[in-house]
């Protein structure tokens, strides 16, 4: 088994693997081009260079994403690795492919980052050093008590204020202006501006069908 970074011409092979594995996992048949159009709609070096691939000969049998992010916590800049898109072809599951990939991710993280994170269960990924962390909030909005607040689709006129607002938080990801709104919409989420009497007061990134807010910030 060979493990290496993917090449640009292996983009469609990567997308097909991810669609197949995650489609079987949740029975929804997700298509990454629709879930993450910025990255998976067409071949690009950023996506392929951000994925390790496990190969059996010339066949891609597994992958793990290594997304480099600039993160700020308490005024300190941190090199962060977002690990995700961990997938192993069904023909090769149970043969240690995921272990080899996660070991390789850890080695890369040691070289190029301060810390790595992923969304996953500690009981599954704890063996590679991941521990449960972070805070979850329960937000309850009563439509009869909003006192002038409205939730509207976040558009270009809201971006500058919302981006500056996010950078006043104790912790935030450094994003270019053109990446801010698409990042809030990734994964079939909705980017929503919160206004009061027509003035922007904050934003949320909402996964409506799950009632789940991935990211939020209020003035």
N, C-alpha and C. Protein backbone atom coordinates (compact mmCIF):
# COMPACT_ATOMS: atom_id res chain seq x y z
N UNK A 1 0.85 -1.20 0.00
CA UNK A 1 0.00 0.00 0.00
C UNK A 1 0.88 1.24 0.00
N UNK A 2 0.58 2.16 -0.91
CA UNK A 2 1.30 3.43 -0.98
C UNK A 2 0.38 4.54 -0.47
N UNK A 3 0.93 5.45 0.34
CA UNK A 3 0.17 6.61 0.81
C UNK A 3 0.93 7.86 0.40
N UNK A 4 0.24 8.75 -0.30
CA UNK A 4 0.86 9.98 -0.79
C UNK A 4 -0.23 11.02 -1.04
N UNK A 5 0.21 12.27 -1.24
CA UNK A 5 -0.73 13.32 -1.61
C UNK A 5 -1.25 13.06 -3.03
N UNK A 6 -2.50 13.43 -3.26
CA UNK A 6 -3.08 13.22 -4.58
C UNK A 6 -2.60 14.26 -5.58
N UNK A 7 -2.69 13.88 -6.85
CA UNK A 7 -2.34 14.77 -7.94
C UNK A 7 -3.62 15.34 -8.55
N UNK A 8 -3.48 16.45 -9.26
CA UNK A 8 -4.66 17.13 -9.81
C UNK A 8 -5.47 16.22 -10.72
N UNK A 9 -4.79 15.37 -11.49
CA UNK A 9 -5.53 14.52 -12.42
C UNK A 9 -6.24 13.35 -11.73
N UNK A 10 -6.12 13.26 -10.40
CA UNK A 10 -6.83 12.23 -9.65
C UNK A 10 -8.07 12.78 -8.94
N UNK A 11 -8.48 14.01 -9.34
CA UNK A 11 -9.61 14.68 -8.71
C UNK A 11 -10.89 13.87 -8.82
N UNK A 12 -11.22 13.41 -10.02
CA UNK A 12 -12.50 12.70 -10.20
C UNK A 12 -12.51 11.36 -9.48
N UNK A 13 -11.37 10.72 -9.41
CA UNK A 13 -11.26 9.47 -8.67
C UNK A 13 -11.52 9.71 -7.18
N UNK A 14 -10.98 10.83 -6.66
CA UNK A 14 -11.22 11.20 -5.27
C UNK A 14 -12.70 11.46 -5.04
N UNK A 15 -13.32 12.26 -5.89
CA UNK A 15 -14.74 12.60 -5.70
C UNK A 15 -15.63 11.38 -5.79
N UNK A 16 -15.31 10.49 -6.70
CA UNK A 16 -16.10 9.26 -6.83
C UNK A 16 -15.99 8.40 -5.57
N UNK A 17 -14.80 8.32 -5.00
CA UNK A 17 -14.61 7.54 -3.77
C UNK A 17 -15.42 8.15 -2.63
N UNK A 18 -15.34 9.47 -2.46
CA UNK A 18 -16.06 10.14 -1.38
C UNK A 18 -17.57 9.99 -1.55
N UNK A 19 -18.05 10.18 -2.77
CA UNK A 19 -19.49 10.02 -3.03
C UNK A 19 -19.95 8.61 -2.69
N UNK A 20 -19.15 7.62 -3.08
CA UNK A 20 -19.54 6.23 -2.85
C UNK A 20 -19.56 5.87 -1.38
N UNK A 21 -18.51 6.25 -0.65
CA UNK A 21 -18.41 5.87 0.76
C UNK A 21 -19.44 6.60 1.60
N UNK A 22 -19.54 7.92 1.47
CA UNK A 22 -20.47 8.67 2.30
C UNK A 22 -21.91 8.46 1.88
N UNK A 23 -22.13 8.13 0.60
CA UNK A 23 -23.48 7.82 0.15
C UNK A 23 -24.00 6.55 0.78
N UNK A 24 -23.16 5.56 0.94
CA UNK A 24 -23.58 4.31 1.59
C UNK A 24 -23.74 4.52 3.09
N UNK A 25 -22.90 5.39 3.67
CA UNK A 25 -22.88 5.55 5.12
C UNK A 25 -24.20 6.10 5.65
N UNK A 26 -24.78 7.09 4.96
CA UNK A 26 -26.01 7.70 5.49
C UNK A 26 -27.22 7.48 4.57
N UNK A 27 -27.05 6.64 3.55
CA UNK A 27 -28.15 6.28 2.67
C UNK A 27 -28.76 7.47 1.93
N UNK A 28 -28.03 8.58 1.86
CA UNK A 28 -28.56 9.75 1.18
C UNK A 28 -27.92 9.95 -0.19
N UNK A 29 -26.85 9.20 -0.46
CA UNK A 29 -26.17 9.36 -1.73
C UNK A 29 -25.66 10.77 -1.96
N UNK A 30 -24.91 11.35 -1.00
CA UNK A 30 -24.47 12.74 -1.18
C UNK A 30 -23.54 12.88 -2.38
N UNK A 31 -23.59 14.02 -3.00
CA UNK A 31 -22.69 14.33 -4.08
C UNK A 31 -21.86 15.53 -3.64
N UNK A 32 -20.57 15.32 -3.53
CA UNK A 32 -19.70 16.35 -2.97
C UNK A 32 -19.70 17.62 -3.81
N UNK A 33 -19.97 17.50 -5.11
CA UNK A 33 -20.03 18.69 -5.94
C UNK A 33 -21.16 19.61 -5.49
N UNK A 34 -22.25 19.04 -4.99
CA UNK A 34 -23.36 19.83 -4.49
C UNK A 34 -23.17 20.30 -3.06
N UNK A 35 -22.57 19.43 -2.23
CA UNK A 35 -22.35 19.78 -0.83
C UNK A 35 -21.28 20.85 -0.67
N UNK A 36 -20.21 20.73 -1.44
CA UNK A 36 -19.08 21.65 -1.32
C UNK A 36 -18.68 22.16 -2.72
N UNK A 37 -19.53 22.98 -3.33
CA UNK A 37 -19.28 23.40 -4.71
C UNK A 37 -17.98 24.16 -4.91
N UNK A 38 -17.54 24.92 -3.88
CA UNK A 38 -16.28 25.66 -4.03
C UNK A 38 -15.12 24.74 -4.32
N UNK A 39 -15.15 23.54 -3.74
CA UNK A 39 -14.01 22.64 -3.81
C UNK A 39 -14.20 21.48 -4.78
N UNK A 40 -15.41 20.97 -4.90
CA UNK A 40 -15.60 19.70 -5.60
C UNK A 40 -16.39 19.79 -6.90
N UNK A 41 -16.68 21.01 -7.36
CA UNK A 41 -17.44 21.11 -8.61
C UNK A 41 -16.55 20.84 -9.82
N UNK A 42 -15.29 21.17 -9.72
CA UNK A 42 -14.37 20.95 -10.84
C UNK A 42 -12.95 20.76 -10.31
N UNK A 43 -12.09 20.13 -11.10
CA UNK A 43 -10.72 19.83 -10.62
C UNK A 43 -9.98 21.09 -10.20
N UNK A 44 -9.28 20.98 -9.07
CA UNK A 44 -8.43 22.08 -8.63
C UNK A 44 -7.32 21.54 -7.74
N UNK A 45 -6.20 22.22 -7.78
CA UNK A 45 -5.02 21.77 -7.05
C UNK A 45 -5.23 21.80 -5.55
N UNK A 46 -6.04 22.78 -5.07
CA UNK A 46 -6.21 22.91 -3.62
C UNK A 46 -6.80 21.64 -3.02
N UNK A 47 -7.82 21.09 -3.64
CA UNK A 47 -8.48 19.90 -3.10
C UNK A 47 -7.57 18.69 -3.15
N UNK A 48 -7.00 18.42 -4.30
CA UNK A 48 -6.16 17.22 -4.41
C UNK A 48 -4.91 17.33 -3.55
N UNK A 49 -4.32 18.51 -3.46
CA UNK A 49 -3.12 18.67 -2.64
C UNK A 49 -3.44 18.66 -1.15
N UNK A 50 -4.75 18.70 -0.81
CA UNK A 50 -5.17 18.66 0.59
C UNK A 50 -5.68 17.29 0.99
N UNK A 51 -5.44 16.28 0.16
CA UNK A 51 -5.88 14.92 0.48
C UNK A 51 -4.74 13.93 0.33
N UNK A 52 -4.57 13.12 1.35
CA UNK A 52 -3.72 11.95 1.22
C UNK A 52 -4.53 10.83 0.62
N UNK A 53 -3.89 10.04 -0.20
CA UNK A 53 -4.56 8.89 -0.79
C UNK A 53 -3.82 7.61 -0.47
N UNK A 54 -4.59 6.54 -0.23
CA UNK A 54 -4.02 5.21 -0.07
C UNK A 54 -4.26 4.45 -1.38
N UNK A 55 -3.23 3.85 -1.91
CA UNK A 55 -3.31 3.20 -3.21
C UNK A 55 -2.95 1.73 -3.13
N UNK A 56 -3.73 0.93 -3.84
CA UNK A 56 -3.41 -0.46 -4.10
C UNK A 56 -3.03 -0.52 -5.58
N UNK A 57 -1.75 -0.48 -5.86
CA UNK A 57 -1.31 -0.30 -7.23
C UNK A 57 -1.69 1.09 -7.70
N UNK A 58 -2.45 1.16 -8.79
CA UNK A 58 -2.91 2.45 -9.30
C UNK A 58 -4.30 2.81 -8.80
N UNK A 59 -4.89 1.96 -7.99
CA UNK A 59 -6.28 2.17 -7.55
C UNK A 59 -6.33 2.95 -6.24
N UNK A 60 -7.09 4.04 -6.22
CA UNK A 60 -7.31 4.80 -4.99
C UNK A 60 -8.31 4.04 -4.12
N UNK A 61 -7.87 3.61 -2.93
CA UNK A 61 -8.73 2.80 -2.07
C UNK A 61 -9.12 3.51 -0.78
N UNK A 62 -8.49 4.64 -0.50
CA UNK A 62 -8.82 5.38 0.71
C UNK A 62 -8.26 6.78 0.65
N UNK A 63 -8.81 7.66 1.48
CA UNK A 63 -8.34 9.04 1.49
C UNK A 63 -8.61 9.68 2.83
N UNK A 64 -7.87 10.74 3.12
CA UNK A 64 -8.09 11.57 4.31
C UNK A 64 -7.69 12.99 3.95
N UNK A 65 -8.56 13.94 4.26
CA UNK A 65 -8.29 15.33 3.94
C UNK A 65 -7.44 15.99 5.01
N UNK A 66 -6.55 16.87 4.56
CA UNK A 66 -5.70 17.66 5.45
C UNK A 66 -5.81 19.11 4.99
N UNK A 67 -6.74 19.85 5.60
CA UNK A 67 -6.98 21.23 5.19
C UNK A 67 -6.25 22.19 6.13
N UNK A 68 -5.38 22.99 5.55
CA UNK A 68 -4.60 23.94 6.34
C UNK A 68 -5.42 25.20 6.58
N UNK A 69 -5.53 25.60 7.84
CA UNK A 69 -6.30 26.78 8.21
C UNK A 69 -5.47 27.66 9.13
N UNK A 70 -5.61 28.97 8.95
CA UNK A 70 -5.00 29.93 9.88
C UNK A 70 -6.05 30.28 10.92
N UNK A 71 -5.74 30.01 12.15
CA UNK A 71 -6.70 30.15 13.24
C UNK A 71 -6.14 31.12 14.27
N UNK A 72 -7.01 31.90 14.88
CA UNK A 72 -6.61 32.84 15.93
C UNK A 72 -7.35 32.49 17.20
N UNK A 73 -6.62 32.32 18.29
CA UNK A 73 -7.21 32.06 19.60
C UNK A 73 -6.57 33.01 20.60
N UNK A 74 -7.38 33.88 21.19
CA UNK A 74 -6.86 34.83 22.17
C UNK A 74 -5.73 35.69 21.64
N UNK A 75 -5.81 36.04 20.38
CA UNK A 75 -4.79 36.89 19.78
C UNK A 75 -3.58 36.14 19.26
N UNK A 76 -3.48 34.85 19.52
CA UNK A 76 -2.35 34.04 19.06
C UNK A 76 -2.71 33.32 17.76
N UNK A 77 -1.82 33.38 16.78
CA UNK A 77 -2.04 32.69 15.52
C UNK A 77 -1.59 31.23 15.64
N UNK A 78 -2.45 30.35 15.18
CA UNK A 78 -2.18 28.92 15.27
C UNK A 78 -2.34 28.30 13.88
N UNK A 79 -1.42 27.45 13.51
CA UNK A 79 -1.55 26.68 12.27
C UNK A 79 -2.39 25.45 12.58
N UNK A 80 -3.55 25.40 11.96
CA UNK A 80 -4.53 24.36 12.27
C UNK A 80 -4.71 23.44 11.07
N UNK A 81 -4.81 22.16 11.34
CA UNK A 81 -5.14 21.17 10.32
C UNK A 81 -6.56 20.67 10.57
N UNK A 82 -7.44 20.87 9.58
CA UNK A 82 -8.78 20.29 9.65
C UNK A 82 -8.75 18.95 8.94
N UNK A 83 -8.84 17.88 9.70
CA UNK A 83 -8.80 16.53 9.13
C UNK A 83 -10.22 16.07 8.87
N UNK A 84 -10.48 15.55 7.70
CA UNK A 84 -11.83 15.10 7.38
C UNK A 84 -11.86 14.31 6.09
N UNK A 85 -13.07 14.03 5.62
CA UNK A 85 -13.26 13.24 4.40
C UNK A 85 -12.50 11.91 4.48
N UNK A 86 -12.52 11.30 5.67
CA UNK A 86 -11.84 10.01 5.84
C UNK A 86 -12.72 8.92 5.26
N UNK A 87 -12.23 8.27 4.23
CA UNK A 87 -13.05 7.29 3.52
C UNK A 87 -12.18 6.14 3.03
N UNK A 88 -12.73 4.92 3.15
CA UNK A 88 -12.06 3.72 2.65
C UNK A 88 -13.06 2.95 1.78
N UNK A 89 -12.64 2.58 0.61
CA UNK A 89 -13.51 1.83 -0.31
C UNK A 89 -14.00 0.55 0.37
N UNK A 90 -15.26 0.19 0.12
CA UNK A 90 -15.87 -0.96 0.79
C UNK A 90 -15.11 -2.26 0.55
N UNK A 91 -14.40 -2.36 -0.55
CA UNK A 91 -13.64 -3.58 -0.84
C UNK A 91 -12.42 -3.72 0.07
N UNK A 92 -12.03 -2.63 0.74
CA UNK A 92 -10.80 -2.65 1.53
C UNK A 92 -11.03 -2.33 3.00
N UNK A 93 -12.27 -2.24 3.42
CA UNK A 93 -12.54 -1.93 4.81
C UNK A 93 -12.20 -3.11 5.70
N UNK A 94 -11.73 -2.79 6.93
CA UNK A 94 -11.33 -3.84 7.86
C UNK A 94 -9.93 -4.37 7.62
N UNK A 95 -9.15 -3.69 6.76
CA UNK A 95 -7.80 -4.15 6.44
C UNK A 95 -6.73 -3.17 6.91
N UNK A 96 -7.09 -2.24 7.79
CA UNK A 96 -6.10 -1.34 8.35
C UNK A 96 -5.79 -0.12 7.52
N UNK A 97 -6.58 0.13 6.46
CA UNK A 97 -6.31 1.28 5.60
C UNK A 97 -6.52 2.60 6.36
N UNK A 98 -7.62 2.69 7.12
CA UNK A 98 -7.88 3.92 7.86
C UNK A 98 -6.79 4.18 8.89
N UNK A 99 -6.29 3.13 9.53
CA UNK A 99 -5.21 3.30 10.50
C UNK A 99 -3.97 3.88 9.85
N UNK A 100 -3.62 3.33 8.69
CA UNK A 100 -2.44 3.84 7.98
C UNK A 100 -2.63 5.30 7.58
N UNK A 101 -3.83 5.65 7.14
CA UNK A 101 -4.10 7.02 6.73
C UNK A 101 -4.02 7.97 7.92
N UNK A 102 -4.62 7.59 9.04
CA UNK A 102 -4.58 8.47 10.21
C UNK A 102 -3.18 8.60 10.79
N UNK A 103 -2.40 7.56 10.73
CA UNK A 103 -0.99 7.66 11.14
C UNK A 103 -0.25 8.66 10.25
N UNK A 104 -0.55 8.59 8.95
CA UNK A 104 0.10 9.52 8.01
C UNK A 104 -0.35 10.95 8.26
N UNK A 105 -1.63 11.14 8.56
CA UNK A 105 -2.14 12.48 8.88
C UNK A 105 -1.40 13.05 10.09
N UNK A 106 -1.23 12.23 11.13
CA UNK A 106 -0.53 12.69 12.34
C UNK A 106 0.91 13.10 12.02
N UNK A 107 1.56 12.35 11.18
CA UNK A 107 2.94 12.67 10.81
C UNK A 107 2.99 14.00 10.07
N UNK A 108 2.03 14.23 9.16
CA UNK A 108 1.99 15.49 8.43
C UNK A 108 1.67 16.65 9.36
N UNK A 109 0.75 16.41 10.30
CA UNK A 109 0.38 17.46 11.25
C UNK A 109 1.60 17.88 12.08
N UNK A 110 2.41 16.91 12.49
CA UNK A 110 3.61 17.22 13.26
C UNK A 110 4.57 18.11 12.47
N UNK A 111 4.57 17.95 11.15
CA UNK A 111 5.49 18.71 10.31
C UNK A 111 5.00 20.14 10.04
N UNK A 112 3.71 20.31 9.82
CA UNK A 112 3.25 21.57 9.25
C UNK A 112 2.24 22.33 10.10
N UNK A 113 1.84 21.78 11.26
CA UNK A 113 0.77 22.43 12.02
C UNK A 113 1.05 22.38 13.52
N UNK A 114 0.28 23.20 14.25
CA UNK A 114 0.35 23.20 15.71
C UNK A 114 -0.65 22.22 16.32
N UNK A 115 -1.78 22.06 15.65
CA UNK A 115 -2.83 21.21 16.20
C UNK A 115 -3.71 20.72 15.04
N UNK A 116 -4.32 19.56 15.23
CA UNK A 116 -5.25 19.02 14.25
C UNK A 116 -6.60 18.76 14.90
N UNK A 117 -7.65 18.83 14.11
CA UNK A 117 -8.98 18.55 14.65
C UNK A 117 -9.83 17.86 13.59
N UNK A 118 -10.85 17.18 14.04
CA UNK A 118 -11.84 16.61 13.14
C UNK A 118 -13.17 16.50 13.87
N UNK A 119 -14.24 16.41 13.08
CA UNK A 119 -15.56 16.13 13.64
C UNK A 119 -15.73 14.61 13.62
N UNK A 120 -15.70 14.00 14.78
CA UNK A 120 -15.83 12.54 14.85
C UNK A 120 -15.99 12.10 16.29
N UNK A 121 -16.23 10.82 16.44
CA UNK A 121 -16.47 10.26 17.77
C UNK A 121 -15.13 9.95 18.45
N UNK A 122 -14.94 10.41 19.71
CA UNK A 122 -13.69 10.14 20.42
C UNK A 122 -13.39 8.64 20.53
N UNK A 123 -14.45 7.83 20.69
CA UNK A 123 -14.20 6.39 20.82
C UNK A 123 -13.67 5.78 19.53
N UNK A 124 -13.88 6.47 18.41
CA UNK A 124 -13.36 5.96 17.15
C UNK A 124 -11.96 6.49 16.85
N UNK A 125 -11.75 7.78 17.15
CA UNK A 125 -10.49 8.41 16.76
C UNK A 125 -9.54 8.66 17.92
N UNK A 126 -9.94 8.29 19.14
CA UNK A 126 -9.09 8.51 20.30
C UNK A 126 -7.75 7.80 20.21
N UNK A 127 -7.71 6.69 19.53
CA UNK A 127 -6.45 5.93 19.44
C UNK A 127 -5.37 6.68 18.69
N UNK A 128 -5.78 7.71 17.91
CA UNK A 128 -4.78 8.53 17.19
C UNK A 128 -4.53 9.85 17.90
N UNK A 129 -4.97 9.97 19.15
CA UNK A 129 -4.65 11.15 19.93
C UNK A 129 -5.73 12.22 19.98
N UNK A 130 -6.85 11.99 19.31
CA UNK A 130 -7.92 12.99 19.34
C UNK A 130 -8.73 12.85 20.62
N UNK A 131 -9.08 14.00 21.19
CA UNK A 131 -9.90 14.00 22.40
C UNK A 131 -11.11 14.90 22.16
N UNK A 132 -12.21 14.58 22.84
CA UNK A 132 -13.40 15.39 22.72
C UNK A 132 -13.17 16.77 23.30
N UNK A 133 -13.63 17.80 22.59
CA UNK A 133 -13.40 19.17 23.04
C UNK A 133 -14.44 20.08 22.42
N UNK A 134 -14.51 21.30 22.91
CA UNK A 134 -15.43 22.29 22.36
C UNK A 134 -16.69 22.42 23.19
N UNK A 135 -17.53 23.33 22.77
CA UNK A 135 -18.76 23.65 23.49
C UNK A 135 -19.93 23.59 22.53
N UNK A 136 -21.04 23.04 22.99
CA UNK A 136 -22.27 23.07 22.23
C UNK A 136 -23.28 23.93 22.98
N UNK A 137 -23.98 24.77 22.23
CA UNK A 137 -25.00 25.64 22.81
C UNK A 137 -26.37 25.21 22.29
N UNK A 138 -27.37 25.37 23.12
CA UNK A 138 -28.74 25.19 22.67
C UNK A 138 -29.37 26.56 22.51
N UNK A 139 -29.78 26.87 21.29
CA UNK A 139 -30.38 28.17 20.98
C UNK A 139 -31.87 27.97 20.73
N UNK A 140 -32.69 28.73 21.41
CA UNK A 140 -34.13 28.65 21.23
C UNK A 140 -34.65 30.03 20.86
N UNK A 141 -35.28 30.12 19.69
CA UNK A 141 -35.83 31.39 19.23
C UNK A 141 -37.35 31.30 19.24
N UNK A 142 -37.98 32.23 19.92
CA UNK A 142 -39.44 32.31 19.96
C UNK A 142 -39.88 33.40 18.99
N UNK A 143 -40.51 33.01 17.87
CA UNK A 143 -40.86 34.02 16.85
C UNK A 143 -41.73 35.15 17.38
N UNK A 144 -42.45 34.94 18.47
CA UNK A 144 -43.33 36.00 18.99
C UNK A 144 -42.59 36.98 19.89
N UNK A 145 -41.31 36.71 20.16
CA UNK A 145 -40.55 37.56 21.07
C UNK A 145 -39.24 38.06 20.46
N UNK A 146 -39.22 38.27 19.15
CA UNK A 146 -37.97 38.65 18.48
C UNK A 146 -37.71 40.15 18.53
N UNK A 147 -38.72 40.95 18.88
CA UNK A 147 -38.53 42.39 19.11
C UNK A 147 -37.79 43.09 17.97
N UNK A 148 -38.25 42.87 16.76
CA UNK A 148 -37.66 43.57 15.62
C UNK A 148 -36.54 42.82 14.92
N UNK A 149 -36.11 41.68 15.45
CA UNK A 149 -35.06 40.90 14.81
C UNK A 149 -35.64 40.09 13.65
N UNK A 150 -34.86 39.98 12.59
CA UNK A 150 -35.26 39.17 11.44
C UNK A 150 -34.08 38.32 10.99
N UNK A 151 -34.39 37.20 10.35
CA UNK A 151 -33.39 36.31 9.79
C UNK A 151 -33.54 36.34 8.28
N UNK A 152 -32.51 36.83 7.58
CA UNK A 152 -32.57 36.98 6.13
C UNK A 152 -31.36 36.30 5.50
N UNK A 153 -31.46 35.98 4.23
CA UNK A 153 -30.34 35.38 3.51
C UNK A 153 -29.15 36.32 3.51
N UNK A 154 -28.00 35.82 3.92
CA UNK A 154 -26.79 36.64 3.94
C UNK A 154 -26.31 36.86 2.51
N UNK A 155 -26.16 38.12 2.11
CA UNK A 155 -25.68 38.42 0.76
C UNK A 155 -24.44 39.30 0.84
N UNK A 156 -23.98 39.75 -0.31
CA UNK A 156 -22.71 40.47 -0.38
C UNK A 156 -22.72 41.76 0.45
N UNK A 157 -23.89 42.37 0.61
CA UNK A 157 -23.96 43.61 1.37
C UNK A 157 -23.73 43.40 2.86
N UNK A 158 -23.83 42.15 3.33
CA UNK A 158 -23.64 41.84 4.74
C UNK A 158 -22.22 41.38 5.07
N UNK A 159 -21.46 41.01 4.03
CA UNK A 159 -20.21 40.26 4.25
C UNK A 159 -19.20 41.05 5.06
N UNK A 160 -18.95 42.31 4.70
CA UNK A 160 -17.89 43.07 5.37
C UNK A 160 -18.15 43.19 6.87
N UNK A 161 -19.39 43.54 7.24
CA UNK A 161 -19.71 43.67 8.66
C UNK A 161 -19.57 42.33 9.37
N UNK A 162 -20.13 41.26 8.78
CA UNK A 162 -20.11 39.96 9.44
C UNK A 162 -18.69 39.41 9.56
N UNK A 163 -17.88 39.64 8.54
CA UNK A 163 -16.49 39.17 8.58
C UNK A 163 -15.72 39.91 9.67
N UNK A 164 -15.88 41.23 9.74
CA UNK A 164 -15.20 42.01 10.79
C UNK A 164 -15.71 41.61 12.17
N UNK A 165 -17.00 41.35 12.27
CA UNK A 165 -17.57 40.93 13.55
C UNK A 165 -16.98 39.61 14.00
N UNK A 166 -16.82 38.67 13.06
CA UNK A 166 -16.27 37.35 13.42
C UNK A 166 -14.84 37.47 13.94
N UNK A 167 -14.10 38.47 13.46
CA UNK A 167 -12.71 38.64 13.86
C UNK A 167 -12.56 39.35 15.21
N UNK A 168 -13.68 39.68 15.83
CA UNK A 168 -13.66 40.22 17.19
C UNK A 168 -13.88 39.13 18.23
N UNK A 169 -14.15 37.91 17.74
CA UNK A 169 -14.35 36.79 18.66
C UNK A 169 -13.02 36.38 19.29
N UNK A 170 -13.10 35.65 20.38
CA UNK A 170 -11.89 35.13 21.02
C UNK A 170 -11.16 34.18 20.08
N UNK A 171 -11.92 33.42 19.31
CA UNK A 171 -11.30 32.50 18.36
C UNK A 171 -12.03 32.59 17.03
N UNK A 172 -11.26 32.53 15.93
CA UNK A 172 -11.87 32.59 14.60
C UNK A 172 -10.88 32.08 13.56
N UNK A 173 -11.42 31.65 12.43
CA UNK A 173 -10.62 31.26 11.28
C UNK A 173 -10.40 32.49 10.41
N UNK A 174 -9.18 32.72 9.98
CA UNK A 174 -8.89 33.83 9.08
C UNK A 174 -9.35 33.44 7.68
N UNK A 175 -10.28 34.21 7.14
CA UNK A 175 -10.83 33.92 5.82
C UNK A 175 -10.75 35.16 4.94
N UNK A 176 -10.46 34.94 3.67
CA UNK A 176 -10.52 36.03 2.70
C UNK A 176 -11.98 36.44 2.51
N UNK A 177 -12.16 37.68 2.08
CA UNK A 177 -13.53 38.16 1.90
C UNK A 177 -14.33 37.25 0.97
N UNK A 178 -13.72 36.84 -0.15
CA UNK A 178 -14.45 36.04 -1.13
C UNK A 178 -14.76 34.63 -0.63
N UNK A 179 -14.08 34.21 0.43
CA UNK A 179 -14.31 32.87 0.98
C UNK A 179 -15.30 32.87 2.13
N UNK A 180 -15.63 34.04 2.67
CA UNK A 180 -16.40 34.09 3.91
C UNK A 180 -17.80 33.51 3.75
N UNK A 181 -18.58 34.07 2.84
CA UNK A 181 -19.96 33.60 2.68
C UNK A 181 -20.04 32.16 2.15
N UNK A 182 -19.22 31.77 1.15
CA UNK A 182 -19.26 30.37 0.73
C UNK A 182 -18.90 29.39 1.84
N UNK A 183 -18.00 29.79 2.76
CA UNK A 183 -17.65 28.90 3.87
C UNK A 183 -18.85 28.66 4.78
N UNK A 184 -19.65 29.70 4.98
CA UNK A 184 -20.84 29.55 5.83
C UNK A 184 -21.90 28.68 5.17
N UNK A 185 -21.85 28.57 3.83
CA UNK A 185 -22.85 27.79 3.10
C UNK A 185 -22.41 26.36 2.82
N UNK A 186 -21.17 26.02 3.10
CA UNK A 186 -20.68 24.69 2.72
C UNK A 186 -21.43 23.59 3.46
N UNK A 187 -21.49 22.43 2.85
CA UNK A 187 -22.18 21.30 3.47
C UNK A 187 -23.68 21.46 3.50
N UNK A 188 -24.25 22.14 2.48
CA UNK A 188 -25.70 22.35 2.40
C UNK A 188 -26.23 23.18 3.57
N UNK A 189 -25.39 24.04 4.13
CA UNK A 189 -25.87 24.93 5.18
C UNK A 189 -26.38 26.24 4.56
N UNK A 190 -27.13 26.99 5.34
CA UNK A 190 -27.62 28.30 4.92
C UNK A 190 -26.84 29.39 5.65
N UNK A 191 -26.42 30.40 4.91
CA UNK A 191 -25.77 31.57 5.51
C UNK A 191 -26.84 32.62 5.75
N UNK A 192 -27.08 32.95 7.01
CA UNK A 192 -28.20 33.82 7.38
C UNK A 192 -27.68 35.02 8.16
N UNK A 193 -28.12 36.21 7.75
CA UNK A 193 -27.80 37.43 8.48
C UNK A 193 -28.93 37.71 9.47
N UNK A 194 -28.55 38.12 10.67
CA UNK A 194 -29.52 38.50 11.69
C UNK A 194 -29.58 40.02 11.74
N UNK A 195 -30.75 40.59 11.49
CA UNK A 195 -30.88 42.04 11.45
C UNK A 195 -31.90 42.51 12.49
N UNK A 196 -31.78 43.75 12.88
CA UNK A 196 -32.79 44.39 13.73
C UNK A 196 -33.09 45.76 13.15
N UNK A 197 -34.35 45.94 12.80
CA UNK A 197 -34.77 47.19 12.16
C UNK A 197 -33.91 47.51 10.94
N UNK A 198 -33.55 46.45 10.20
CA UNK A 198 -32.78 46.60 8.97
C UNK A 198 -31.29 46.71 9.14
N UNK A 199 -30.79 46.69 10.37
CA UNK A 199 -29.35 46.81 10.63
C UNK A 199 -28.79 45.45 11.01
N UNK A 200 -27.68 45.06 10.38
CA UNK A 200 -27.10 43.74 10.63
C UNK A 200 -26.52 43.67 12.03
N UNK A 201 -26.87 42.60 12.74
CA UNK A 201 -26.40 42.41 14.11
C UNK A 201 -25.59 41.12 14.29
N UNK A 202 -25.57 40.27 13.27
CA UNK A 202 -24.83 39.02 13.40
C UNK A 202 -25.17 38.07 12.28
N UNK A 203 -24.70 36.83 12.41
CA UNK A 203 -24.96 35.82 11.38
C UNK A 203 -24.98 34.44 12.00
N UNK A 204 -25.60 33.51 11.30
CA UNK A 204 -25.55 32.09 11.67
C UNK A 204 -25.37 31.26 10.41
N UNK A 205 -24.72 30.12 10.58
CA UNK A 205 -24.58 29.13 9.52
C UNK A 205 -25.42 27.93 9.93
N UNK A 206 -26.53 27.73 9.24
CA UNK A 206 -27.60 26.83 9.71
C UNK A 206 -27.73 25.59 8.84
N UNK A 207 -27.72 24.43 9.47
CA UNK A 207 -28.08 23.17 8.82
C UNK A 207 -29.54 22.93 9.17
N UNK A 208 -30.45 23.41 8.33
CA UNK A 208 -31.85 23.51 8.70
C UNK A 208 -32.48 22.16 9.02
N UNK A 209 -32.21 21.15 8.19
CA UNK A 209 -32.89 19.88 8.39
C UNK A 209 -32.49 19.19 9.69
N UNK A 210 -31.33 19.57 10.24
CA UNK A 210 -30.89 19.00 11.51
C UNK A 210 -31.16 19.93 12.68
N UNK A 211 -31.60 21.17 12.39
CA UNK A 211 -31.74 22.15 13.46
C UNK A 211 -30.41 22.45 14.12
N UNK A 212 -29.34 22.46 13.32
CA UNK A 212 -27.98 22.54 13.84
C UNK A 212 -27.28 23.78 13.31
N UNK A 213 -26.70 24.57 14.20
CA UNK A 213 -25.93 25.76 13.82
C UNK A 213 -24.44 25.44 13.92
N UNK A 214 -23.76 25.51 12.79
CA UNK A 214 -22.33 25.21 12.75
C UNK A 214 -21.50 26.36 13.28
N UNK A 215 -21.93 27.57 12.97
CA UNK A 215 -21.15 28.75 13.33
C UNK A 215 -22.11 29.92 13.55
N UNK A 216 -21.83 30.76 14.54
CA UNK A 216 -22.66 31.93 14.76
C UNK A 216 -21.85 33.04 15.41
N UNK A 217 -22.33 34.27 15.26
CA UNK A 217 -21.66 35.42 15.88
C UNK A 217 -22.65 36.56 15.95
N UNK A 218 -22.74 37.22 17.10
CA UNK A 218 -23.65 38.34 17.29
C UNK A 218 -22.89 39.54 17.85
N UNK A 219 -23.35 40.72 17.46
CA UNK A 219 -22.74 41.94 17.94
C UNK A 219 -23.04 42.11 19.45
